[in-house]
Amino acid sequence: MQVPTTPEIRKQTVFKADIQKVWDKVATAEGMEAWFMPNDFKQEEGGEFTIQSPFGPTPCRVLELDPPNRLIFSWGQAGWKIVIELKDLGEETEFTLIHSGWGEAEEVLPGPGPGKTNEEIRDTMNNGWDAIVYERLREVVEV
C-alpha cells in the first residue's frame, strides 16, 4: 500500500508590475521582509540564510538562482522547498509560488505546531500563503 503524500501548495497570480520590480521584492532581504518575514537573504546560490519566523529562527539555503526568473530555496529542517517563478508579461509579471517537500500526510512534524501532521500544517500554511501572496506581496509590488 502506498502512503499518501501531502500535496504541494501552489499560488499563481499576475501582478501589475514589471518583472524587475517583482524580482527585487522576492529576491532581496529588504523586499522579502516587506511581504514575508525578516531575514538575512543574499542572492547567492548555495548561500545560507535565516528567516525569523513566529516559531523562531529558521535555517534556509538558496538551491537555485536565475535572476529575474527563478528562485528556489530550502526552508527549515522538514525538507520544505520554496520555488518562486516569474514570467515577464511586459508591464505585468506572472508570479508562481510552489511550497513542496511535505512528505507523508499523517507524519507528525516537530517545529511549527508541534504534534501536528504534515497535512494539518500544510492546510494552515496554504491559507497563510493566500494572504501573503494575494494581499501582502501584491500591495508591495503594485505600489
N, C-alpha and C. Protein backbone atom coordinates (compact mmCIF):
# COMPACT_ATOMS: atom_id res chain seq x y z
N MET A 1 0.84 -1.19 0.00
CA MET A 1 0.00 0.00 0.00
C MET A 1 0.88 1.24 0.00
N GLN A 2 0.56 2.18 -0.88
CA GLN A 2 1.34 3.40 -0.98
C GLN A 2 0.83 4.41 0.05
N VAL A 3 1.77 5.03 0.77
CA VAL A 3 1.41 6.03 1.77
C VAL A 3 1.12 7.35 1.05
N PRO A 4 -0.02 7.99 1.35
CA PRO A 4 -0.34 9.25 0.66
C PRO A 4 0.62 10.37 1.08
N THR A 5 1.11 11.09 0.08
CA THR A 5 1.95 12.25 0.37
C THR A 5 1.08 13.49 0.40
N THR A 6 1.56 14.48 1.07
CA THR A 6 0.84 15.74 1.20
C THR A 6 1.07 16.56 -0.07
N PRO A 7 0.02 17.06 -0.70
CA PRO A 7 0.20 17.80 -1.95
C PRO A 7 0.90 19.13 -1.74
N GLU A 8 1.63 19.56 -2.78
CA GLU A 8 2.31 20.85 -2.72
C GLU A 8 1.28 21.97 -2.66
N ILE A 9 1.74 23.12 -2.21
CA ILE A 9 0.94 24.35 -2.25
C ILE A 9 1.37 25.09 -3.50
N ARG A 10 0.42 25.58 -4.27
CA ARG A 10 0.74 26.34 -5.48
C ARG A 10 -0.13 27.60 -5.51
N LYS A 11 0.52 28.74 -5.63
CA LYS A 11 -0.18 30.02 -5.74
C LYS A 11 0.30 30.71 -7.00
N GLN A 12 -0.65 31.17 -7.80
CA GLN A 12 -0.28 31.82 -9.05
C GLN A 12 -1.16 33.04 -9.26
N THR A 13 -0.54 34.13 -9.72
CA THR A 13 -1.27 35.35 -9.98
C THR A 13 -0.48 36.19 -10.96
N VAL A 14 -1.09 37.28 -11.41
CA VAL A 14 -0.40 38.25 -12.26
C VAL A 14 -0.39 39.57 -11.52
N PHE A 15 0.81 40.15 -11.41
CA PHE A 15 0.97 41.44 -10.76
C PHE A 15 1.09 42.53 -11.81
N LYS A 16 0.52 43.69 -11.51
CA LYS A 16 0.63 44.86 -12.38
C LYS A 16 1.94 45.58 -12.06
N ALA A 17 3.05 44.93 -12.41
CA ALA A 17 4.39 45.47 -12.18
C ALA A 17 5.34 44.72 -13.10
N ASP A 18 6.41 45.40 -13.53
CA ASP A 18 7.37 44.73 -14.41
C ASP A 18 8.18 43.70 -13.62
N ILE A 19 8.79 42.78 -14.34
CA ILE A 19 9.47 41.64 -13.72
C ILE A 19 10.60 42.06 -12.79
N GLN A 20 11.34 43.11 -13.13
CA GLN A 20 12.46 43.52 -12.27
C GLN A 20 11.96 44.02 -10.93
N LYS A 21 10.85 44.75 -10.92
CA LYS A 21 10.30 45.23 -9.65
C LYS A 21 9.85 44.06 -8.78
N VAL A 22 9.20 43.08 -9.39
CA VAL A 22 8.74 41.91 -8.63
C VAL A 22 9.96 41.14 -8.12
N TRP A 23 10.97 40.94 -8.97
CA TRP A 23 12.18 40.23 -8.56
C TRP A 23 12.84 40.92 -7.36
N ASP A 24 12.92 42.23 -7.40
CA ASP A 24 13.54 42.98 -6.30
C ASP A 24 12.79 42.80 -4.99
N LYS A 25 11.50 42.49 -5.06
CA LYS A 25 10.71 42.27 -3.84
C LYS A 25 10.75 40.82 -3.36
N VAL A 26 10.99 39.87 -4.27
CA VAL A 26 11.00 38.47 -3.84
C VAL A 26 12.40 37.91 -3.64
N ALA A 27 13.43 38.62 -4.12
CA ALA A 27 14.78 38.05 -4.08
C ALA A 27 15.81 39.01 -3.48
N THR A 28 15.37 39.83 -2.52
CA THR A 28 16.29 40.64 -1.72
C THR A 28 15.81 40.55 -0.27
N ALA A 29 16.71 40.73 0.66
CA ALA A 29 16.33 40.66 2.08
C ALA A 29 15.28 41.72 2.42
N GLU A 30 15.51 42.95 1.96
CA GLU A 30 14.56 44.03 2.27
C GLU A 30 13.21 43.79 1.62
N GLY A 31 13.23 43.38 0.37
CA GLY A 31 11.98 43.12 -0.33
C GLY A 31 11.20 41.99 0.31
N MET A 32 11.90 40.90 0.63
CA MET A 32 11.26 39.73 1.24
C MET A 32 10.66 40.07 2.61
N GLU A 33 11.36 40.91 3.36
CA GLU A 33 10.86 41.28 4.69
C GLU A 33 9.56 42.06 4.59
N ALA A 34 9.40 42.84 3.53
CA ALA A 34 8.21 43.68 3.38
C ALA A 34 6.92 42.88 3.21
N TRP A 35 7.01 41.64 2.72
CA TRP A 35 5.79 40.86 2.49
C TRP A 35 5.81 39.49 3.16
N PHE A 36 7.00 39.00 3.54
CA PHE A 36 7.11 37.65 4.07
C PHE A 36 7.52 37.69 5.54
N MET A 37 8.82 37.62 5.81
CA MET A 37 9.32 37.64 7.19
C MET A 37 10.72 38.25 7.20
N PRO A 38 11.15 38.77 8.37
CA PRO A 38 12.52 39.26 8.47
C PRO A 38 13.51 38.14 8.14
N ASN A 39 14.63 38.52 7.51
CA ASN A 39 15.58 37.51 7.03
C ASN A 39 16.92 38.17 6.73
N ASP A 40 17.92 37.35 6.47
CA ASP A 40 19.21 37.87 6.03
C ASP A 40 19.60 37.25 4.69
N PHE A 41 18.63 37.16 3.79
CA PHE A 41 18.80 36.57 2.47
C PHE A 41 19.86 37.30 1.66
N LYS A 42 20.65 36.52 0.93
CA LYS A 42 21.62 37.07 -0.02
C LYS A 42 21.44 36.33 -1.34
N GLN A 43 21.53 37.07 -2.45
CA GLN A 43 21.39 36.45 -3.77
C GLN A 43 22.68 35.71 -4.11
N GLU A 44 22.80 34.50 -3.56
CA GLU A 44 24.00 33.69 -3.76
C GLU A 44 23.59 32.23 -3.76
N GLU A 45 23.73 31.57 -4.92
CA GLU A 45 23.38 30.15 -5.00
C GLU A 45 24.23 29.36 -4.02
N GLY A 46 23.59 28.52 -3.21
CA GLY A 46 24.28 27.74 -2.18
C GLY A 46 24.40 28.49 -0.87
N GLY A 47 24.08 29.78 -0.87
CA GLY A 47 24.18 30.60 0.33
C GLY A 47 23.14 30.25 1.36
N GLU A 48 23.53 30.29 2.62
CA GLU A 48 22.61 30.04 3.72
C GLU A 48 22.08 31.35 4.27
N PHE A 49 20.82 31.32 4.70
CA PHE A 49 20.22 32.50 5.33
C PHE A 49 19.21 32.03 6.35
N THR A 50 18.72 32.95 7.14
CA THR A 50 17.78 32.63 8.21
C THR A 50 16.53 33.48 8.07
N ILE A 51 15.39 32.84 8.18
CA ILE A 51 14.10 33.53 8.24
C ILE A 51 13.70 33.58 9.70
N GLN A 52 13.30 34.75 10.16
CA GLN A 52 12.84 34.92 11.54
C GLN A 52 11.33 34.69 11.55
N SER A 53 10.93 33.43 11.75
CA SER A 53 9.52 33.08 11.72
C SER A 53 8.91 33.27 13.11
N PRO A 54 7.58 33.22 13.21
CA PRO A 54 6.93 33.31 14.52
C PRO A 54 7.36 32.18 15.47
N PHE A 55 7.94 31.10 14.90
CA PHE A 55 8.38 29.97 15.71
C PHE A 55 9.87 30.03 16.01
N GLY A 56 10.51 31.15 15.65
CA GLY A 56 11.94 31.31 15.91
C GLY A 56 12.73 31.28 14.61
N PRO A 57 14.05 31.43 14.70
CA PRO A 57 14.90 31.45 13.51
C PRO A 57 14.83 30.12 12.77
N THR A 58 14.67 30.20 11.45
CA THR A 58 14.56 29.01 10.62
C THR A 58 15.65 29.05 9.54
N PRO A 59 16.50 28.01 9.50
CA PRO A 59 17.58 27.99 8.51
C PRO A 59 17.05 27.69 7.10
N CYS A 60 17.65 28.38 6.13
CA CYS A 60 17.29 28.21 4.72
C CYS A 60 18.57 28.19 3.89
N ARG A 61 18.43 27.69 2.66
CA ARG A 61 19.59 27.71 1.75
C ARG A 61 19.10 27.91 0.33
N VAL A 62 19.78 28.78 -0.41
CA VAL A 62 19.45 29.04 -1.80
C VAL A 62 19.89 27.84 -2.63
N LEU A 63 18.92 27.18 -3.27
CA LEU A 63 19.21 26.00 -4.08
C LEU A 63 19.40 26.34 -5.55
N GLU A 64 18.68 27.36 -6.02
CA GLU A 64 18.80 27.79 -7.41
C GLU A 64 18.49 29.27 -7.50
N LEU A 65 19.25 29.96 -8.33
CA LEU A 65 19.06 31.40 -8.51
C LEU A 65 19.25 31.71 -9.99
N ASP A 66 18.18 32.20 -10.63
CA ASP A 66 18.21 32.56 -12.04
C ASP A 66 17.49 33.90 -12.22
N PRO A 67 18.17 35.02 -11.85
CA PRO A 67 17.54 36.33 -11.92
C PRO A 67 17.14 36.69 -13.35
N PRO A 68 16.03 37.33 -13.57
CA PRO A 68 14.94 37.61 -12.64
C PRO A 68 13.79 36.62 -12.78
N ASN A 69 14.11 35.37 -13.08
CA ASN A 69 13.05 34.41 -13.39
C ASN A 69 12.74 33.36 -12.34
N ARG A 70 13.75 32.97 -11.55
CA ARG A 70 13.52 31.81 -10.68
C ARG A 70 14.41 31.87 -9.44
N LEU A 71 13.79 31.57 -8.30
CA LEU A 71 14.48 31.44 -7.03
C LEU A 71 13.94 30.19 -6.35
N ILE A 72 14.84 29.31 -5.92
CA ILE A 72 14.42 28.12 -5.17
C ILE A 72 15.26 28.08 -3.91
N PHE A 73 14.58 27.90 -2.76
CA PHE A 73 15.32 27.75 -1.51
C PHE A 73 14.69 26.69 -0.62
N SER A 74 15.55 26.06 0.18
CA SER A 74 15.06 25.13 1.20
C SER A 74 14.65 25.95 2.40
N TRP A 75 13.68 25.43 3.16
CA TRP A 75 13.16 26.16 4.31
C TRP A 75 13.01 25.19 5.46
N GLY A 76 13.81 25.37 6.50
CA GLY A 76 13.68 24.58 7.72
C GLY A 76 14.24 23.18 7.60
N GLN A 77 13.97 22.39 8.64
CA GLN A 77 14.52 21.05 8.77
C GLN A 77 13.62 19.96 8.19
N ALA A 78 12.39 20.30 7.84
CA ALA A 78 11.41 19.28 7.42
C ALA A 78 11.54 18.89 5.94
N GLY A 79 12.43 19.55 5.20
CA GLY A 79 12.59 19.22 3.78
C GLY A 79 11.73 20.07 2.86
N TRP A 80 11.21 21.19 3.37
CA TRP A 80 10.39 22.06 2.54
C TRP A 80 11.23 22.75 1.50
N LYS A 81 10.61 22.99 0.35
CA LYS A 81 11.27 23.71 -0.72
C LYS A 81 10.30 24.77 -1.24
N ILE A 82 10.81 25.99 -1.41
CA ILE A 82 10.01 27.09 -1.96
C ILE A 82 10.56 27.43 -3.34
N VAL A 83 9.69 27.39 -4.33
CA VAL A 83 10.04 27.76 -5.70
C VAL A 83 9.26 29.02 -6.03
N ILE A 84 9.98 30.05 -6.49
CA ILE A 84 9.33 31.27 -6.97
C ILE A 84 9.74 31.44 -8.43
N GLU A 85 8.74 31.49 -9.30
CA GLU A 85 8.99 31.65 -10.73
C GLU A 85 8.28 32.90 -11.21
N LEU A 86 8.99 33.69 -12.01
CA LEU A 86 8.42 34.91 -12.58
C LEU A 86 8.47 34.81 -14.10
N LYS A 87 7.41 35.27 -14.75
CA LYS A 87 7.35 35.29 -16.20
C LYS A 87 7.04 36.71 -16.65
N ASP A 88 7.89 37.23 -17.50
CA ASP A 88 7.76 38.60 -18.00
C ASP A 88 6.59 38.70 -18.97
N LEU A 89 5.62 39.55 -18.63
CA LEU A 89 4.47 39.80 -19.50
C LEU A 89 4.46 41.27 -19.94
N GLY A 90 5.65 41.88 -19.97
CA GLY A 90 5.74 43.30 -20.34
C GLY A 90 5.57 44.17 -19.12
N GLU A 91 4.45 44.86 -19.04
CA GLU A 91 4.18 45.72 -17.89
C GLU A 91 3.59 44.94 -16.71
N GLU A 92 3.38 43.65 -16.90
CA GLU A 92 2.87 42.79 -15.84
C GLU A 92 3.81 41.59 -15.69
N THR A 93 3.67 40.90 -14.57
CA THR A 93 4.51 39.73 -14.28
C THR A 93 3.65 38.61 -13.73
N GLU A 94 3.77 37.43 -14.35
CA GLU A 94 3.13 36.25 -13.81
C GLU A 94 4.00 35.71 -12.68
N PHE A 95 3.40 35.49 -11.53
CA PHE A 95 4.10 35.03 -10.34
C PHE A 95 3.56 33.65 -9.96
N THR A 96 4.47 32.71 -9.73
CA THR A 96 4.08 31.38 -9.26
C THR A 96 4.92 31.03 -8.05
N LEU A 97 4.28 30.58 -6.98
CA LEU A 97 4.96 30.10 -5.79
C LEU A 97 4.54 28.65 -5.57
N ILE A 98 5.54 27.78 -5.36
CA ILE A 98 5.26 26.37 -5.06
C ILE A 98 5.97 26.03 -3.75
N HIS A 99 5.22 25.54 -2.78
CA HIS A 99 5.76 25.12 -1.49
C HIS A 99 5.60 23.60 -1.45
N SER A 100 6.71 22.88 -1.57
CA SER A 100 6.67 21.42 -1.64
C SER A 100 7.56 20.80 -0.58
N GLY A 101 7.66 19.47 -0.64
CA GLY A 101 8.52 18.75 0.29
C GLY A 101 7.83 18.35 1.58
N TRP A 102 6.53 18.13 1.50
CA TRP A 102 5.74 17.86 2.70
C TRP A 102 5.88 16.45 3.25
N GLY A 103 6.15 15.48 2.42
CA GLY A 103 6.25 14.11 2.92
C GLY A 103 4.90 13.46 3.14
N GLU A 104 4.87 12.45 4.00
CA GLU A 104 3.66 11.67 4.25
C GLU A 104 2.62 12.51 4.98
N ALA A 105 1.36 12.39 4.54
CA ALA A 105 0.27 13.21 5.07
C ALA A 105 0.11 13.07 6.58
N GLU A 106 0.21 11.85 7.12
CA GLU A 106 -0.05 11.63 8.55
C GLU A 106 1.20 11.72 9.42
N GLU A 107 2.36 12.00 8.82
CA GLU A 107 3.60 12.13 9.59
C GLU A 107 3.51 13.35 10.51
N VAL A 108 3.85 13.15 11.77
CA VAL A 108 3.83 14.25 12.74
C VAL A 108 5.19 14.92 12.72
N LEU A 109 5.17 16.23 12.60
CA LEU A 109 6.41 17.00 12.47
C LEU A 109 6.75 17.73 13.76
N PRO A 110 8.05 17.85 14.04
CA PRO A 110 8.47 18.78 15.09
C PRO A 110 8.45 20.18 14.48
N GLY A 111 8.62 21.19 15.28
CA GLY A 111 8.70 22.55 14.73
C GLY A 111 7.37 23.25 14.84
N PRO A 112 6.97 23.93 13.74
CA PRO A 112 5.75 24.75 13.83
C PRO A 112 4.54 23.89 14.16
N GLY A 113 3.89 24.23 15.22
CA GLY A 113 2.72 23.47 15.64
C GLY A 113 3.07 22.06 16.05
N PRO A 114 3.97 21.88 17.03
CA PRO A 114 4.37 20.52 17.43
C PRO A 114 3.16 19.62 17.64
N GLY A 115 3.29 18.37 17.20
CA GLY A 115 2.21 17.42 17.37
C GLY A 115 1.23 17.42 16.22
N LYS A 116 1.43 18.28 15.22
CA LYS A 116 0.53 18.33 14.07
C LYS A 116 1.13 17.53 12.92
N THR A 117 0.24 17.02 12.08
CA THR A 117 0.68 16.25 10.92
C THR A 117 1.08 17.18 9.78
N ASN A 118 1.80 16.61 8.81
CA ASN A 118 2.14 17.35 7.60
C ASN A 118 0.90 17.96 6.98
N GLU A 119 -0.16 17.15 6.89
CA GLU A 119 -1.39 17.61 6.26
C GLU A 119 -2.00 18.80 7.00
N GLU A 120 -2.01 18.74 8.33
CA GLU A 120 -2.57 19.85 9.12
C GLU A 120 -1.74 21.12 8.96
N ILE A 121 -0.42 20.98 9.02
CA ILE A 121 0.46 22.15 8.87
C ILE A 121 0.33 22.70 7.45
N ARG A 122 0.28 21.82 6.47
CA ARG A 122 0.14 22.25 5.07
C ARG A 122 -1.15 23.05 4.87
N ASP A 123 -2.26 22.58 5.45
CA ASP A 123 -3.53 23.28 5.30
C ASP A 123 -3.47 24.67 5.93
N THR A 124 -2.85 24.78 7.09
CA THR A 124 -2.69 26.08 7.75
C THR A 124 -1.82 27.00 6.89
N MET A 125 -0.71 26.46 6.39
CA MET A 125 0.20 27.28 5.59
C MET A 125 -0.40 27.63 4.23
N ASN A 126 -1.23 26.77 3.68
CA ASN A 126 -1.91 27.07 2.42
C ASN A 126 -2.74 28.34 2.58
N ASN A 127 -3.50 28.42 3.67
CA ASN A 127 -4.30 29.62 3.94
C ASN A 127 -3.40 30.83 4.16
N GLY A 128 -2.30 30.63 4.87
CA GLY A 128 -1.36 31.72 5.11
C GLY A 128 -0.76 32.25 3.82
N TRP A 129 -0.41 31.35 2.90
CA TRP A 129 0.17 31.79 1.62
C TRP A 129 -0.84 32.61 0.83
N ASP A 130 -2.14 32.33 0.96
CA ASP A 130 -3.14 33.14 0.26
C ASP A 130 -2.98 34.61 0.64
N ALA A 131 -2.96 34.90 1.93
CA ALA A 131 -2.84 36.29 2.38
C ALA A 131 -1.47 36.87 2.02
N ILE A 132 -0.43 36.07 2.16
CA ILE A 132 0.93 36.56 1.88
C ILE A 132 1.07 36.93 0.40
N VAL A 133 0.65 36.05 -0.50
CA VAL A 133 0.83 36.29 -1.93
C VAL A 133 -0.21 37.26 -2.49
N TYR A 134 -1.48 36.96 -2.25
CA TYR A 134 -2.55 37.71 -2.92
C TYR A 134 -2.83 39.08 -2.28
N GLU A 135 -2.39 39.29 -1.05
CA GLU A 135 -2.61 40.58 -0.41
C GLU A 135 -1.29 41.30 -0.14
N ARG A 136 -0.45 40.74 0.73
CA ARG A 136 0.76 41.44 1.15
C ARG A 136 1.76 41.66 0.02
N LEU A 137 2.08 40.62 -0.75
CA LEU A 137 3.02 40.79 -1.85
C LEU A 137 2.43 41.71 -2.92
N ARG A 138 1.15 41.54 -3.21
CA ARG A 138 0.51 42.41 -4.20
C ARG A 138 0.63 43.88 -3.79
N GLU A 139 0.39 44.18 -2.52
CA GLU A 139 0.50 45.56 -2.04
C GLU A 139 1.92 46.11 -2.21
N VAL A 140 2.91 45.27 -2.00
CA VAL A 140 4.30 45.70 -2.10
C VAL A 140 4.73 45.93 -3.54
N VAL A 141 4.33 45.06 -4.47
CA VAL A 141 4.81 45.19 -5.85
C VAL A 141 3.95 46.12 -6.71
N GLU A 142 2.71 46.33 -6.33
CA GLU A 142 1.84 47.17 -7.15
C GLU A 142 1.73 48.60 -6.64
N VAL A 143 2.64 49.00 -5.78
CA VAL A 143 2.65 50.39 -5.25
C VAL A 143 3.03 51.35 -6.36
